[in-house]
Amino acid sequence: MQSLGDTVYLDTKQHRALRATLESARADAAKPVT
């Protein structure tokens, strides 16, 4: 089923990239704001 937004197609590299992006976003959110 090709319903956009409902289905995630991930191979191993994409899985690692997703986790890295999420961790990066969380790290940015944790940085103190001057």
PDB file of all heavy atoms in Angstrom:
ATOM      1  N   MET A   1       0.843  -1.188   0.000  1.00  0.00           N
ATOM      2  CA  MET A   1       0.000   0.000   0.000  1.00  0.00           C
ATOM      3  C   MET A   1       0.878   1.238   0.000  1.00  0.00           C
ATOM      4  O   MET A   1       1.734   1.409   0.845  1.00  0.00           O
ATOM      5  CB  MET A   1      -0.923  -0.010   1.225  1.00  0.00           C
ATOM      6  CG  MET A   1      -1.811  -1.233   1.274  1.00  0.00           C
ATOM      7  SD  MET A   1      -2.825  -1.264   2.734  1.00  0.00           S
ATOM      8  CE  MET A   1      -3.867   0.146   2.434  1.00  0.00           C
ATOM      9  N   GLN A   2       0.664   2.144  -0.947  1.00  0.00           N
ATOM     10  CA  GLN A   2       1.557   3.271  -1.159  1.00  0.00           C
ATOM     11  C   GLN A   2       0.978   4.564  -0.574  1.00  0.00           C
ATOM     12  O   GLN A   2       1.148   5.623  -1.134  1.00  0.00           O
ATOM     13  CB  GLN A   2       1.787   3.458  -2.664  1.00  0.00           C
ATOM     14  CG  GLN A   2       2.348   2.212  -3.346  1.00  0.00           C
ATOM     15  CD  GLN A   2       3.731   1.873  -2.870  1.00  0.00           C
ATOM     16  OE1 GLN A   2       4.463   2.747  -2.432  1.00  0.00           O
ATOM     17  NE2 GLN A   2       4.101   0.623  -2.950  1.00  0.00           N
ATOM     18  N   SER A   3       0.245   4.483   0.514  1.00  0.00           N
ATOM     19  CA  SER A   3      -0.380   5.665   1.093  1.00  0.00           C
ATOM     20  C   SER A   3       0.682   6.576   1.689  1.00  0.00           C
ATOM     21  O   SER A   3       1.313   6.242   2.680  1.00  0.00           O
ATOM     22  CB  SER A   3      -1.363   5.240   2.193  1.00  0.00           C
ATOM     23  OG  SER A   3      -1.909   6.343   2.829  1.00  0.00           O
ATOM     24  N   LEU A   4       0.900   7.724   1.056  1.00  0.00           N
ATOM     25  CA  LEU A   4       1.939   8.640   1.523  1.00  0.00           C
ATOM     26  C   LEU A   4       1.645   9.083   2.939  1.00  0.00           C
ATOM     27  O   LEU A   4       0.537   9.448   3.270  1.00  0.00           O
ATOM     28  CB  LEU A   4       2.025   9.860   0.603  1.00  0.00           C
ATOM     29  CG  LEU A   4       2.585   9.596  -0.801  1.00  0.00           C
ATOM     30  CD1 LEU A   4       2.494  10.857  -1.626  1.00  0.00           C
ATOM     31  CD2 LEU A   4       4.020   9.116  -0.712  1.00  0.00           C
ATOM     32  N   GLY A   5       2.689   9.115   3.754  1.00  0.00           N
ATOM     33  CA  GLY A   5       2.538   9.565   5.124  1.00  0.00           C
ATOM     34  C   GLY A   5       2.227   8.434   6.078  1.00  0.00           C
ATOM     35  O   GLY A   5       2.410   8.577   7.265  1.00  0.00           O
ATOM     36  N   ASP A   6       1.717   7.299   5.596  1.00  0.00           N
ATOM     37  CA  ASP A   6       1.372   6.201   6.477  1.00  0.00           C
ATOM     38  C   ASP A   6       2.421   5.101   6.469  1.00  0.00           C
ATOM     39  O   ASP A   6       2.539   4.341   7.397  1.00  0.00           O
ATOM     40  CB  ASP A   6       0.030   5.584   6.064  1.00  0.00           C
ATOM     41  CG  ASP A   6      -1.121   6.517   6.379  1.00  0.00           C
ATOM     42  OD1 ASP A   6      -0.924   7.373   7.238  1.00  0.00           O
ATOM     43  OD2 ASP A   6      -2.185   6.390   5.755  1.00  0.00           O
ATOM     44  N   THR A   7       3.176   4.994   5.383  1.00  0.00           N
ATOM     45  CA  THR A   7       4.110   3.897   5.232  1.00  0.00           C
ATOM     46  C   THR A   7       5.538   4.409   5.235  1.00  0.00           C
ATOM     47  O   THR A   7       5.846   5.402   4.612  1.00  0.00           O
ATOM     48  CB  THR A   7       3.842   3.146   3.911  1.00  0.00           C
ATOM     49  OG1 THR A   7       2.464   2.764   3.895  1.00  0.00           O
ATOM     50  CG2 THR A   7       4.704   1.918   3.805  1.00  0.00           C
ATOM     51  N   VAL A   8       6.395   3.702   5.971  1.00  0.00           N
ATOM     52  CA  VAL A   8       7.808   4.066   6.011  1.00  0.00           C
ATOM     53  C   VAL A   8       8.607   2.969   5.349  1.00  0.00           C
ATOM     54  O   VAL A   8       8.492   1.804   5.707  1.00  0.00           O
ATOM     55  CB  VAL A   8       8.287   4.222   7.473  1.00  0.00           C
ATOM     56  CG1 VAL A   8       9.714   4.730   7.510  1.00  0.00           C
ATOM     57  CG2 VAL A   8       7.382   5.167   8.235  1.00  0.00           C
ATOM     58  N   TYR A   9       9.391   3.304   4.333  1.00  0.00           N
ATOM     59  CA  TYR A   9      10.246   2.345   3.653  1.00  0.00           C
ATOM     60  C   TYR A   9      11.690   2.637   4.059  1.00  0.00           C
ATOM     61  O   TYR A   9      12.251   3.635   3.662  1.00  0.00           O
ATOM     62  CB  TYR A   9      10.094   2.468   2.136  1.00  0.00           C
ATOM     63  CG  TYR A   9       8.699   2.152   1.676  1.00  0.00           C
ATOM     64  CD1 TYR A   9       7.762   3.151   1.533  1.00  0.00           C
ATOM     65  CD2 TYR A   9       8.328   0.844   1.400  1.00  0.00           C
ATOM     66  CE1 TYR A   9       6.472   2.858   1.114  1.00  0.00           C
ATOM     67  CE2 TYR A   9       7.050   0.539   0.974  1.00  0.00           C
ATOM     68  CZ  TYR A   9       6.123   1.548   0.828  1.00  0.00           C
ATOM     69  OH  TYR A   9       4.861   1.266   0.412  1.00  0.00           O
ATOM     70  N   LEU A  10      12.268   1.758   4.859  1.00  0.00           N
ATOM     71  CA  LEU A  10      13.608   2.011   5.382  1.00  0.00           C
ATOM     72  C   LEU A  10      14.499   0.799   5.189  1.00  0.00           C
ATOM     73  O   LEU A  10      14.123  -0.308   5.547  1.00  0.00           O
ATOM     74  CB  LEU A  10      13.550   2.323   6.887  1.00  0.00           C
ATOM     75  CG  LEU A  10      12.878   3.642   7.298  1.00  0.00           C
ATOM     76  CD1 LEU A  10      12.840   3.712   8.810  1.00  0.00           C
ATOM     77  CD2 LEU A  10      13.617   4.824   6.748  1.00  0.00           C
ATOM     78  N   ASP A  11      15.684   1.024   4.614  1.00  0.00           N
ATOM     79  CA  ASP A  11      16.693  -0.002   4.672  1.00  0.00           C
ATOM     80  C   ASP A  11      17.612   0.328   5.846  1.00  0.00           C
ATOM     81  O   ASP A  11      17.375   1.274   6.585  1.00  0.00           O
ATOM     82  CB  ASP A  11      17.469  -0.112   3.353  1.00  0.00           C
ATOM     83  CG  ASP A  11      18.144   1.205   2.967  1.00  0.00           C
ATOM     84  OD1 ASP A  11      18.371   2.037   3.870  1.00  0.00           O
ATOM     85  OD2 ASP A  11      18.432   1.394   1.776  1.00  0.00           O
ATOM     86  N   THR A  12      18.668  -0.460   6.041  1.00  0.00           N
ATOM     87  CA  THR A  12      19.531  -0.268   7.213  1.00  0.00           C
ATOM     88  C   THR A  12      20.161   1.119   7.231  1.00  0.00           C
ATOM     89  O   THR A  12      20.197   1.786   8.265  1.00  0.00           O
ATOM     90  CB  THR A  12      20.637  -1.337   7.223  1.00  0.00           C
ATOM     91  OG1 THR A  12      20.017  -2.624   7.212  1.00  0.00           O
ATOM     92  CG2 THR A  12      21.496  -1.202   8.463  1.00  0.00           C
ATOM     93  N   LYS A  13      20.657   1.597   6.071  1.00  0.00           N
ATOM     94  CA  LYS A  13      21.292   2.910   6.020  1.00  0.00           C
ATOM     95  C   LYS A  13      20.297   4.008   6.348  1.00  0.00           C
ATOM     96  O   LYS A  13      20.597   4.957   7.069  1.00  0.00           O
ATOM     97  CB  LYS A  13      21.907   3.141   4.638  1.00  0.00           C
ATOM     98  CG  LYS A  13      23.112   2.256   4.345  1.00  0.00           C
ATOM     99  CD  LYS A  13      23.698   2.567   2.981  1.00  0.00           C
ATOM    100  CE  LYS A  13      24.917   1.695   2.689  1.00  0.00           C
ATOM    101  NZ  LYS A  13      25.479   1.978   1.346  1.00  0.00           N
ATOM    102  N   GLN A  14      19.065   3.900   5.813  1.00  0.00           N
ATOM    103  CA  GLN A  14      18.048   4.911   6.099  1.00  0.00           C
ATOM    104  C   GLN A  14      17.677   4.904   7.571  1.00  0.00           C
ATOM    105  O   GLN A  14      17.431   5.945   8.165  1.00  0.00           O
ATOM    106  CB  GLN A  14      16.813   4.652   5.239  1.00  0.00           C
ATOM    107  CG  GLN A  14      17.014   4.957   3.759  1.00  0.00           C
ATOM    108  CD  GLN A  14      15.819   4.536   2.943  1.00  0.00           C
ATOM    109  OE1 GLN A  14      15.274   3.457   3.137  1.00  0.00           O
ATOM    110  NE2 GLN A  14      15.409   5.386   2.031  1.00  0.00           N
ATOM    111  N   HIS A  15      17.619   3.701   8.159  1.00  0.00           N
ATOM    112  CA  HIS A  15      17.302   3.584   9.583  1.00  0.00           C
ATOM    113  C   HIS A  15      18.350   4.322  10.423  1.00  0.00           C
ATOM    114  O   HIS A  15      18.015   5.089  11.328  1.00  0.00           O
ATOM    115  CB  HIS A  15      17.256   2.100   9.951  1.00  0.00           C
ATOM    116  CG  HIS A  15      16.715   1.848  11.324  1.00  0.00           C
ATOM    117  ND1 HIS A  15      16.557   0.597  11.838  1.00  0.00           N
ATOM    118  CD2 HIS A  15      16.297   2.696  12.303  1.00  0.00           C
ATOM    119  CE1 HIS A  15      16.094   0.669  13.063  1.00  0.00           C
ATOM    120  NE2 HIS A  15      15.928   1.929  13.359  1.00  0.00           N
ATOM    121  N   ARG A  16      19.625   4.098  10.099  1.00  0.00           N
ATOM    122  CA  ARG A  16      20.693   4.784  10.834  1.00  0.00           C
ATOM    123  C   ARG A  16      20.624   6.290  10.624  1.00  0.00           C
ATOM    124  O   ARG A  16      20.817   7.066  11.565  1.00  0.00           O
ATOM    125  CB  ARG A  16      22.049   4.252  10.374  1.00  0.00           C
ATOM    126  CG  ARG A  16      22.321   2.806  10.781  1.00  0.00           C
ATOM    127  CD  ARG A  16      23.592   2.298  10.144  1.00  0.00           C
ATOM    128  NE  ARG A  16      23.860   0.913  10.516  1.00  0.00           N
ATOM    129  CZ  ARG A  16      24.790   0.169   9.930  1.00  0.00           C
ATOM    130  NH1 ARG A  16      25.536   0.678   8.964  1.00  0.00           N
ATOM    131  NH2 ARG A  16      24.981  -1.084  10.317  1.00  0.00           N
ATOM    132  N   ALA A  17      20.328   6.714   9.394  1.00  0.00           N
ATOM    133  CA  ALA A  17      20.243   8.143   9.104  1.00  0.00           C
ATOM    134  C   ALA A  17      19.111   8.795   9.877  1.00  0.00           C
ATOM    135  O   ALA A  17      19.233   9.909  10.391  1.00  0.00           O
ATOM    136  CB  ALA A  17      20.053   8.367   7.605  1.00  0.00           C
ATOM    137  N   LEU A  18      17.968   8.088   9.963  1.00  0.00           N
ATOM    138  CA  LEU A  18      16.835   8.633  10.711  1.00  0.00           C
ATOM    139  C   LEU A  18      17.204   8.832  12.175  1.00  0.00           C
ATOM    140  O   LEU A  18      16.914   9.869  12.775  1.00  0.00           O
ATOM    141  CB  LEU A  18      15.648   7.688  10.581  1.00  0.00           C
ATOM    142  CG  LEU A  18      14.313   8.156  11.153  1.00  0.00           C
ATOM    143  CD1 LEU A  18      13.171   7.497  10.382  1.00  0.00           C
ATOM    144  CD2 LEU A  18      14.178   7.833  12.630  1.00  0.00           C
ATOM    145  N   ARG A  19      17.839   7.812  12.763  1.00  0.00           N
ATOM    146  CA  ARG A  19      18.224   7.923  14.171  1.00  0.00           C
ATOM    147  C   ARG A  19      19.220   9.064  14.382  1.00  0.00           C
ATOM    148  O   ARG A  19      19.127   9.822  15.344  1.00  0.00           O
ATOM    149  CB  ARG A  19      18.829   6.609  14.645  1.00  0.00           C
ATOM    150  CG  ARG A  19      17.798   5.490  14.818  1.00  0.00           C
ATOM    151  CD  ARG A  19      18.444   4.230  15.334  1.00  0.00           C
ATOM    152  NE  ARG A  19      17.468   3.209  15.648  1.00  0.00           N
ATOM    153  CZ  ARG A  19      17.768   1.977  16.034  1.00  0.00           C
ATOM    154  NH1 ARG A  19      19.045   1.623  16.157  1.00  0.00           N
ATOM    155  NH2 ARG A  19      16.820   1.101  16.304  1.00  0.00           N
ATOM    156  N   ALA A  20      20.180   9.204  13.459  1.00  0.00           N
ATOM    157  CA  ALA A  20      21.182  10.262  13.578  1.00  0.00           C
ATOM    158  C   ALA A  20      20.524  11.635  13.480  1.00  0.00           C
ATOM    159  O   ALA A  20      20.870  12.560  14.226  1.00  0.00           O
ATOM    160  CB  ALA A  20      22.240  10.116  12.492  1.00  0.00           C
ATOM    161  N   THR A  21      19.554  11.775  12.576  1.00  0.00           N
ATOM    162  CA  THR A  21      18.866  13.061  12.421  1.00  0.00           C
ATOM    163  C   THR A  21      18.075  13.404  13.671  1.00  0.00           C
ATOM    164  O   THR A  21      18.060  14.546  14.126  1.00  0.00           O
ATOM    165  CB  THR A  21      17.929  13.018  11.199  1.00  0.00           C
ATOM    166  OG1 THR A  21      18.700  12.656  10.055  1.00  0.00           O
ATOM    167  CG2 THR A  21      17.268  14.354  10.965  1.00  0.00           C
ATOM    168  N   LEU A  22      17.381  12.396  14.218  1.00  0.00           N
ATOM    169  CA  LEU A  22      16.606  12.621  15.429  1.00  0.00           C
ATOM    170  C   LEU A  22      17.498  13.020  16.590  1.00  0.00           C
ATOM    171  O   LEU A  22      17.199  13.959  17.334  1.00  0.00           O
ATOM    172  CB  LEU A  22      15.828  11.351  15.789  1.00  0.00           C
ATOM    173  CG  LEU A  22      14.975  11.408  17.057  1.00  0.00           C
ATOM    174  CD1 LEU A  22      13.975  12.551  16.963  1.00  0.00           C
ATOM    175  CD2 LEU A  22      14.264  10.094  17.285  1.00  0.00           C
ATOM    176  N   GLU A  23      18.641  12.328  16.732  1.00  0.00           N
ATOM    177  CA  GLU A  23      19.560  12.673  17.814  1.00  0.00           C
ATOM    178  C   GLU A  23      20.126  14.074  17.622  1.00  0.00           C
ATOM    179  O   GLU A  23      20.321  14.819  18.583  1.00  0.00           O
ATOM    180  CB  GLU A  23      20.690  11.641  17.881  1.00  0.00           C
ATOM    181  CG  GLU A  23      20.219  10.275  18.366  1.00  0.00           C
ATOM    182  CD  GLU A  23      21.303   9.216  18.257  1.00  0.00           C
ATOM    183  OE1 GLU A  23      22.421   9.581  17.803  1.00  0.00           O
ATOM    184  OE2 GLU A  23      21.048   8.055  18.603  1.00  0.00           O
ATOM    185  N   SER A  24      20.384  14.465  16.357  1.00  0.00           N
ATOM    186  CA  SER A  24      20.883  15.803  16.070  1.00  0.00           C
ATOM    187  C   SER A  24      19.857  16.866  16.449  1.00  0.00           C
ATOM    188  O   SER A  24      20.191  17.895  17.037  1.00  0.00           O
ATOM    189  CB  SER A  24      21.238  15.926  14.587  1.00  0.00           C
ATOM    190  OG  SER A  24      21.643  17.242  14.283  1.00  0.00           O
ATOM    191  N   ALA A  25      18.582  16.590  16.109  1.00  0.00           N
ATOM    192  CA  ALA A  25      17.532  17.552  16.438  1.00  0.00           C
ATOM    193  C   ALA A  25      17.386  17.704  17.947  1.00  0.00           C
ATOM    194  O   ALA A  25      17.207  18.809  18.460  1.00  0.00           O
ATOM    195  CB  ALA A  25      16.210  17.111  15.817  1.00  0.00           C
ATOM    196  N   ARG A  26      17.485  16.576  18.657  1.00  0.00           N
ATOM    197  CA  ARG A  26      17.387  16.647  20.119  1.00  0.00           C
ATOM    198  C   ARG A  26      18.572  17.401  20.713  1.00  0.00           C
ATOM    199  O   ARG A  26      18.430  18.162  21.668  1.00  0.00           O
ATOM    200  CB  ARG A  26      17.320  15.232  20.695  1.00  0.00           C
ATOM    201  CG  ARG A  26      15.994  14.527  20.417  1.00  0.00           C
ATOM    202  CD  ARG A  26      16.032  13.082  20.832  1.00  0.00           C
ATOM    203  NE  ARG A  26      14.740  12.441  20.674  1.00  0.00           N
ATOM    204  CZ  ARG A  26      14.539  11.127  20.734  1.00  0.00           C
ATOM    205  NH1 ARG A  26      15.565  10.326  20.953  1.00  0.00           N
ATOM    206  NH2 ARG A  26      13.332  10.626  20.576  1.00  0.00           N
ATOM    207  N   ALA A  27      19.772  17.185  20.133  1.00  0.00           N
ATOM    208  CA  ALA A  27      20.955  17.888  20.616  1.00  0.00           C
ATOM    209  C   ALA A  27      20.820  19.396  20.394  1.00  0.00           C
ATOM    210  O   ALA A  27      21.176  20.201  21.255  1.00  0.00           O
ATOM    211  CB  ALA A  27      22.200  17.360  19.918  1.00  0.00           C
ATOM    212  N   ASP A  28      20.300  19.785  19.212  1.00  0.00           N
ATOM    213  CA  ASP A  28      20.103  21.212  18.931  1.00  0.00           C
ATOM    214  C   ASP A  28      19.122  21.828  19.919  1.00  0.00           C
ATOM    215  O   ASP A  28      19.300  22.963  20.378  1.00  0.00           O
ATOM    216  CB  ASP A  28      19.567  21.404  17.502  1.00  0.00           C
ATOM    217  CG  ASP A  28      20.630  21.110  16.460  1.00  0.00           C
ATOM    218  OD1 ASP A  28      21.825  21.099  16.817  1.00  0.00           O
ATOM    219  OD2 ASP A  28      20.261  20.894  15.288  1.00  0.00           O
ATOM    220  N   ALA A  29      18.075  21.047  20.243  1.00  0.00           N
ATOM    221  CA  ALA A  29      17.076  21.569  21.174  1.00  0.00           C
ATOM    222  C   ALA A  29      17.655  21.752  22.575  1.00  0.00           C
ATOM    223  O   ALA A  29      17.205  22.607  23.340  1.00  0.00           O
ATOM    224  CB  ALA A  29      15.870  20.638  21.222  1.00  0.00           C
ATOM    225  N   ALA A  30      18.669  20.927  22.917  1.00  0.00           N
ATOM    226  CA  ALA A  30      19.251  20.985  24.255  1.00  0.00           C
ATOM    227  C   ALA A  30      20.314  22.078  24.413  1.00  0.00           C
ATOM    228  O   ALA A  30      20.725  22.401  25.524  1.00  0.00           O
ATOM    229  CB  ALA A  30      19.874  19.631  24.613  1.00  0.00           C
ATOM    230  N   LYS A  31      20.756  22.658  23.300  1.00  0.00           N
ATOM    231  CA  LYS A  31      21.790  23.688  23.386  1.00  0.00           C
ATOM    232  C   LYS A  31      21.246  24.942  24.063  1.00  0.00           C
ATOM    233  O   LYS A  31      20.127  25.362  23.790  1.00  0.00           O
ATOM    234  CB  LYS A  31      22.287  24.036  21.980  1.00  0.00           C
ATOM    235  CG  LYS A  31      23.094  22.936  21.308  1.00  0.00           C
ATOM    236  CD  LYS A  31      23.541  23.373  19.930  1.00  0.00           C
ATOM    237  CE  LYS A  31      24.334  22.271  19.233  1.00  0.00           C
ATOM    238  NZ  LYS A  31      24.742  22.682  17.860  1.00  0.00           N
ATOM    239  N   PRO A  32      22.049  25.561  24.936  1.00  0.00           N
ATOM    240  CA  PRO A  32      21.584  26.792  25.566  1.00  0.00           C
ATOM    241  C   PRO A  32      21.454  27.906  24.536  1.00  0.00           C
ATOM    242  O   PRO A  32      22.235  28.006  23.604  1.00  0.00           O
ATOM    243  CB  PRO A  32      22.692  27.105  26.593  1.00  0.00           C
ATOM    244  CG  PRO A  32      23.904  26.396  26.059  1.00  0.00           C
ATOM    245  CD  PRO A  32      23.395  25.161  25.380  1.00  0.00           C
ATOM    246  N   VAL A  33      20.447  28.700  24.703  1.00  0.00           N
ATOM    247  CA  VAL A  33      20.211  29.818  23.801  1.00  0.00           C
ATOM    248  C   VAL A  33      20.795  31.083  24.419  1.00  0.00           C
ATOM    249  O   VAL A  33      20.491  31.435  25.560  1.00  0.00           O
ATOM    250  CB  VAL A  33      18.700  30.015  23.555  1.00  0.00           C
ATOM    251  CG1 VAL A  33      18.458  31.197  22.638  1.00  0.00           C
ATOM    252  CG2 VAL A  33      18.103  28.743  22.974  1.00  0.00           C
ATOM    253  N   THR A  34      21.682  31.743  23.674  1.00  0.00           N
ATOM    254  CA  THR A  34      22.296  32.970  24.164  1.00  0.00           C
ATOM    255  C   THR A  34      21.269  34.093  24.180  1.00  0.00           C
ATOM    256  O   THR A  34      20.662  34.395  23.148  1.00  0.00           O
ATOM    257  CB  THR A  34      23.470  33.387  23.260  1.00  0.00           C
ATOM    258  OG1 THR A  34      24.409  32.305  23.194  1.00  0.00           O
ATOM    259  CG2 THR A  34      24.141  34.639  23.797  1.00  0.00           C
TER     260      THR A  34
END
